[in-house]
Protein backbone atom coordinates (compact mmCIF):
# COMPACT_ATOMS: atom_id res chain seq x y z
CA MET A 1 275.85 93.70 153.91
CA THR A 2 274.45 90.17 154.13
CA SER A 3 271.71 89.45 151.63
CA LEU A 4 269.12 86.66 151.49
CA ALA A 5 267.01 85.98 148.40
CA ILE A 6 263.81 83.94 148.61
CA LEU A 7 261.89 82.77 145.56
CA GLY A 8 258.40 81.90 146.71
CA VAL A 9 257.23 83.81 149.80
CA GLY A 10 254.06 81.95 150.67
CA LYS A 11 253.72 80.14 153.99
CA VAL A 12 257.25 78.74 154.43
CA GLY A 13 259.11 81.30 152.34
CA GLY A 14 257.38 84.19 154.07
CA GLU A 15 257.99 82.83 157.55
CA THR A 16 261.63 82.19 156.66
CA ALA A 17 261.97 85.81 155.60
CA PHE A 18 260.46 86.99 158.86
CA LEU A 19 262.62 84.75 161.06
CA SER A 20 265.78 85.69 159.18
CA ALA A 21 265.00 89.35 159.79
CA ALA A 22 263.82 88.92 163.39
CA LEU A 23 266.90 86.90 164.34
CA GLY A 24 269.19 89.48 162.76
CA LEU A 25 270.67 86.96 160.33
CA VAL A 26 270.62 89.27 157.31
CA ASP A 27 270.67 92.96 156.41
CA GLU A 28 268.71 92.62 153.19
CA ILE A 29 265.95 90.34 151.93
CA VAL A 30 265.15 90.05 148.22
CA ALA A 31 261.73 88.45 147.91
CA TYR A 32 259.75 87.39 144.88
CA ASP A 33 256.56 85.46 144.26
CA VAL A 34 254.69 85.00 141.01
CA TYR A 35 251.46 85.82 142.86
CA GLU A 36 251.66 89.60 143.21
CA PRO A 37 249.09 90.00 146.05
CA ILE A 38 250.96 87.62 148.37
CA LEU A 39 254.29 89.23 147.50
CA ARG A 40 252.95 92.70 148.25
CA ALA A 41 251.31 91.53 151.48
CA GLN A 42 254.40 89.74 152.75
CA VAL A 43 256.66 92.72 152.02
CA LEU A 44 254.30 95.10 153.80
CA ASP A 45 253.88 92.74 156.74
CA LEU A 46 257.65 92.47 157.09
CA GLN A 47 258.13 96.23 156.83
CA HIS A 48 255.44 96.81 159.44
CA THR A 49 257.50 94.94 162.04
CA GLY A 50 259.89 97.87 162.13
CA ILE A 51 262.86 95.50 161.96
CA ASP A 52 265.91 97.20 160.49
CA VAL A 53 266.16 95.18 157.30
CA THR A 54 266.08 96.28 153.67
CA VAL A 55 263.40 94.56 151.57
CA SER A 56 263.55 94.41 147.79
CA THR A 57 261.45 92.66 145.13
CA LYS A 58 263.87 93.09 142.24
CA THR A 59 264.63 89.64 140.83
CA ALA A 60 267.89 90.87 139.26
CA ALA A 61 269.18 91.54 142.79
CA MET A 62 268.79 87.86 143.67
CA ARG A 63 272.01 87.05 141.81
CA ASP A 64 273.91 89.26 144.26
CA ALA A 65 272.58 87.55 147.39
CA ASP A 66 274.77 85.48 149.70
CA ILE A 67 272.11 82.78 150.01
CA PHE A 68 269.21 81.92 147.73
CA VAL A 69 266.24 79.94 149.06
CA PHE A 70 264.14 78.11 146.47
CA ALA A 71 260.67 77.82 148.02
CA ALA A 72 258.43 78.44 144.99
CA GLY A 73 256.11 76.02 143.26
CA THR A 74 253.06 73.91 143.95
CA PRO A 75 252.79 73.03 147.65
CA ARG A 76 251.54 69.77 149.09
CA THR A 77 247.85 69.55 149.99
CA PRO A 78 245.74 66.81 151.59
CA ASP A 79 244.95 65.57 148.06
CA ILE A 80 248.64 65.03 147.23
CA LYS A 81 249.72 61.71 148.73
CA THR A 82 253.50 62.17 148.68
CA ARG A 83 256.03 64.92 148.03
CA ALA A 84 257.29 62.99 145.00
CA ASP A 85 253.88 63.48 143.36
CA LEU A 86 254.76 67.17 142.97
CA LEU A 87 257.71 66.54 140.65
CA GLU A 88 256.02 67.13 137.29
CA ALA A 89 254.29 70.27 138.54
CA ASN A 90 257.48 71.77 139.95
CA ILE A 91 260.07 70.86 137.29
CA PRO A 92 259.14 73.95 135.20
CA VAL A 93 259.49 76.10 138.33
CA ALA A 94 262.94 74.68 139.01
CA LYS A 95 263.96 75.37 135.42
CA ARG A 96 262.78 78.97 135.70
CA CYS A 97 264.69 79.29 138.96
CA SER A 98 267.92 78.02 137.36
CA GLU A 99 267.54 80.58 134.56
CA LEU A 100 267.03 83.35 137.09
CA LEU A 101 270.18 82.29 138.94
CA ARG A 102 272.49 82.04 135.94
CA GLY A 103 275.93 83.13 137.16
CA PHE A 104 274.89 83.08 140.84
CA PRO A 105 278.03 82.79 143.04
CA GLY A 106 276.37 82.10 146.40
CA ILE A 107 274.77 79.22 148.27
CA VAL A 108 271.49 77.66 147.15
CA ILE A 109 269.07 76.13 149.66
CA THR A 110 266.34 74.00 148.08
CA VAL A 111 263.01 73.70 149.90
CA THR A 112 260.52 73.07 147.08
CA ASN A 113 259.26 69.48 146.98
CA PRO A 114 260.21 66.91 145.97
CA MET A 115 263.21 68.57 147.54
CA ASP A 116 265.89 65.97 146.87
CA ALA A 117 265.10 65.78 143.15
CA ASN A 118 264.78 69.56 142.83
CA ASN A 119 268.11 70.09 144.58
CA TYR A 120 269.75 67.73 142.11
CA GLY A 121 267.94 69.45 139.25
CA LEU A 122 269.09 72.92 140.25
CA TRP A 123 272.68 71.70 140.57
CA LYS A 124 272.46 70.06 137.17
CA MET A 125 270.85 73.01 135.38
CA MET A 126 272.99 75.68 137.06
CA ASP A 127 276.20 73.71 136.50
CA ILE A 128 277.77 74.78 139.80
CA ASP A 129 279.89 73.05 142.43
CA ARG A 130 277.79 70.52 144.29
CA GLN A 131 278.92 71.93 147.62
CA ARG A 132 276.87 75.05 146.92
CA CYS A 133 273.52 73.22 146.60
CA ILE A 134 272.01 72.30 149.97
CA GLY A 135 268.67 70.53 150.19
CA PHE A 136 266.57 71.25 153.29
CA GLY A 137 264.48 68.59 155.01
CA GLY A 138 266.62 66.37 157.19
CA GLN A 139 266.66 68.80 160.11
CA LEU A 140 262.87 68.83 160.23
CA ASP A 141 262.63 65.05 159.89
CA SER A 142 265.20 64.66 162.66
CA ALA A 143 263.25 66.97 164.97
CA ARG A 144 260.15 64.87 164.38
CA PHE A 145 262.14 61.72 165.05
CA ALA A 146 263.36 63.21 168.34
CA ARG A 147 259.77 63.89 169.36
CA TYR A 148 258.66 60.32 168.67
CA LEU A 149 261.67 58.95 170.55
CA ASP A 150 260.74 61.14 173.50
CA GLU A 151 257.17 59.90 173.40
CA ALA A 152 258.56 56.36 173.53
CA GLY A 153 260.51 57.27 176.64
CA HIS A 154 263.91 57.57 175.01
CA THR A 155 266.35 60.43 174.60
CA GLY A 156 269.45 60.53 172.48
CA PRO A 157 270.78 61.67 169.12
CA ALA A 158 268.02 61.80 166.51
CA TRP A 159 269.29 61.69 162.93
CA VAL A 160 267.27 61.10 159.78
CA LEU A 161 268.97 60.53 156.42
CA GLY A 162 267.64 59.42 153.03
CA GLU A 163 264.79 61.04 151.14
CA HIS A 164 262.77 63.89 152.57
CA GLY A 165 259.61 61.90 152.05
CA GLU A 166 258.36 58.33 152.20
CA HIS A 167 261.89 56.92 152.01
CA GLN A 168 263.38 58.72 154.99
CA VAL A 169 265.85 56.74 157.08
CA PRO A 170 265.80 57.30 160.86
CA LEU A 171 269.07 56.15 162.40
CA PHE A 172 267.97 54.04 165.36
CA SER A 173 271.54 52.76 165.70
CA LYS A 174 272.65 56.24 166.80
CA THR A 175 270.15 56.46 169.67
CA GLY A 176 271.91 54.00 171.98
CA VAL A 177 268.64 52.09 172.38
CA ASP A 178 267.85 48.63 170.99
CA PHE A 179 264.61 48.96 169.02
CA SER A 180 262.84 45.92 167.61
CA LEU A 181 261.99 45.79 163.93
CA ASP A 182 258.31 46.36 164.70
CA GLU A 183 259.14 49.37 166.86
CA ARG A 184 261.29 50.83 164.09
CA GLU A 185 258.61 50.38 161.45
CA THR A 186 255.93 51.86 163.72
CA ILE A 187 257.96 55.00 164.38
CA LEU A 188 258.91 55.27 160.70
CA SER A 189 255.23 55.05 159.72
CA ARG A 190 254.39 57.87 162.12
CA MET A 191 257.19 59.99 160.70
CA GLN A 192 255.98 59.42 157.14
CA GLY A 193 252.58 60.82 158.09
CA ALA A 194 253.79 63.62 160.36
CA SER A 195 253.47 66.49 157.88
CA MET A 196 250.07 65.43 156.55
CA GLU A 197 248.52 65.80 160.01
CA VAL A 198 249.66 69.43 160.02
CA ILE A 199 248.61 70.00 156.41
CA ARG A 200 245.08 68.73 157.08
CA GLY A 201 244.78 70.90 160.16
CA LYS A 202 246.19 74.24 158.95
CA GLY A 203 246.82 73.94 155.23
CA GLY A 204 250.58 73.48 155.38
CA THR A 205 253.62 73.10 157.59
CA VAL A 206 255.12 76.47 158.47
CA PHE A 207 256.80 76.92 161.85
CA GLY A 208 258.90 73.73 161.78
CA PRO A 209 260.32 74.14 158.28
CA ALA A 210 260.89 77.89 158.58
CA TYR A 211 262.69 77.59 161.91
CA HIS A 212 265.08 74.91 160.68
CA ILE A 213 265.68 76.73 157.38
CA ALA A 214 266.65 79.79 159.42
CA MET A 215 269.05 77.65 161.46
CA LEU A 216 270.57 76.34 158.22
CA ILE A 217 270.98 79.91 156.96
CA ARG A 218 272.66 80.82 160.23
CA ALA A 219 275.03 77.85 159.97
CA VAL A 220 276.14 79.08 156.54
CA LEU A 221 276.42 82.79 157.29
CA ASP A 222 278.17 82.31 160.64
CA ASP A 223 280.48 79.64 159.18
CA ARG A 224 279.49 77.36 162.04
CA ARG A 225 280.92 74.24 160.41
CA GLN A 226 278.03 72.41 162.01
CA MET A 227 277.06 68.82 161.22
CA LEU A 228 273.49 68.76 159.92
CA PRO A 229 271.37 66.26 158.01
CA CYS A 230 271.04 67.86 154.56
CA SER A 231 270.35 66.66 151.05
CA CYS A 232 273.60 66.72 149.08
CA VAL A 233 274.40 65.81 145.50
CA LEU A 234 276.25 62.52 145.89
CA ASP A 235 279.28 61.31 143.99
CA GLY A 236 279.91 57.86 145.42
CA GLU A 237 279.12 58.60 149.06
CA TYR A 238 277.07 55.78 150.59
CA GLY A 239 277.61 53.96 147.30
CA LEU A 240 275.28 56.37 145.48
CA SER A 241 275.54 58.81 142.59
CA GLY A 242 273.11 60.49 140.23
CA CYS A 243 270.95 61.91 143.02
CA SER A 244 270.75 64.27 145.95
CA LEU A 245 270.00 62.57 149.26
CA GLY A 246 269.97 63.32 152.96
CA VAL A 247 273.37 62.66 154.57
CA PRO A 248 275.39 64.06 157.49
CA ALA A 249 277.01 67.21 156.10
CA ARG A 250 279.27 69.80 157.68
CA ILE A 251 277.81 73.22 156.82
CA GLY A 252 279.72 76.49 156.70
CA ARG A 253 280.24 79.65 154.73
CA GLU A 254 281.21 77.78 151.56
CA GLY A 255 278.17 75.52 151.80
CA ILE A 256 278.77 71.79 152.18
CA LEU A 257 282.28 71.53 153.61
CA GLY A 258 282.21 67.74 153.79
CA ILE A 259 280.00 64.66 153.91
CA GLU A 260 280.50 62.02 156.60
CA GLU A 261 279.87 58.39 155.74
CA TRP A 262 278.59 56.76 158.90
CA ASP A 263 278.33 53.05 159.56
CA LEU A 264 274.69 51.98 159.24
CA ASP A 265 273.14 48.81 160.60
CA PRO A 266 271.56 46.33 158.14
CA TRP A 267 268.04 47.77 158.45
CA GLU A 268 269.30 51.32 157.89
CA SER A 269 271.56 50.26 155.01
CA ALA A 270 268.64 48.59 153.24
CA LYS A 271 266.43 51.64 153.75
CA MET A 272 269.20 53.95 152.52
CA ALA A 273 269.63 51.87 149.37
CA GLU A 274 265.87 51.98 148.75
CA ALA A 275 265.88 55.75 149.24
CA GLY A 276 268.78 56.15 146.83
CA ALA A 277 267.14 54.03 144.14
CA PHE A 278 263.85 55.88 144.47
CA VAL A 279 265.38 59.36 144.32
CA GLN A 280 267.67 58.36 141.47
CA GLY A 281 264.53 57.57 139.50
CA LEU A 282 263.15 61.05 140.17
CA CYS A 283 266.44 62.74 139.36
CA ARG A 284 266.62 61.10 135.95
CA ARG A 285 263.92 63.55 134.86
CA PHE A 286 266.64 66.20 134.97
CA ASP A 287 269.16 64.15 133.03
CA VAL A 288 267.25 64.23 129.73
């Protein structure tokens, strides 16, 4: 039996639970949310689909899951300028999550923002192999990048590394198209504001994140050994340590099977260094 645990089943967590069940990725879902009415409603809504999946709300069962998705905490609203501004509010939630997962042998997927810092924090507090902590965000950023490239009349590989936030690093060098500096900065600016447009319109991003989280879950459970942009705890890769940052990672049943260090052009290298320095600053909150 394949089991998925999700801590925080609001908009993104709830939709991830539904997609995981609807796509037949798991046999059991263990869901929990500190807000009892939303937990009860999401469980009932999932059960009312008639999908053949077992649903539990027992937190003790989360330790027995194959994959644990951390999606709890304070979400971003139109009043919150950047994801990084959520750090102080969500550090206590990450600490509670690490306590809940003490002795957990499976794969952790971090969604809660600021995702990169929280992924590093969970790894640090849980004291587990770094390959078992995967931060989600790069797939969504890359999908947005692909859309903006298409709008500019270009098609090609769309990869985004760096922070899942203001310091994301779209890899224009991988597109096969020569973009000017102004064109790069214009597209980057649009990407930085992409989620806020959705948040202002409907209160939060849901479909995009949940879909790509489900694809990440599938990559792990099916041992696809697929290359995906994920936030990984770094130990010298790209010249960085002391942080978790978006990099090309091969994902399979054991989590992060390997990190590829790609050649970046000067603009991308500078942006990657800025992203690393910024996220390192956030991650130091977990080193005290």
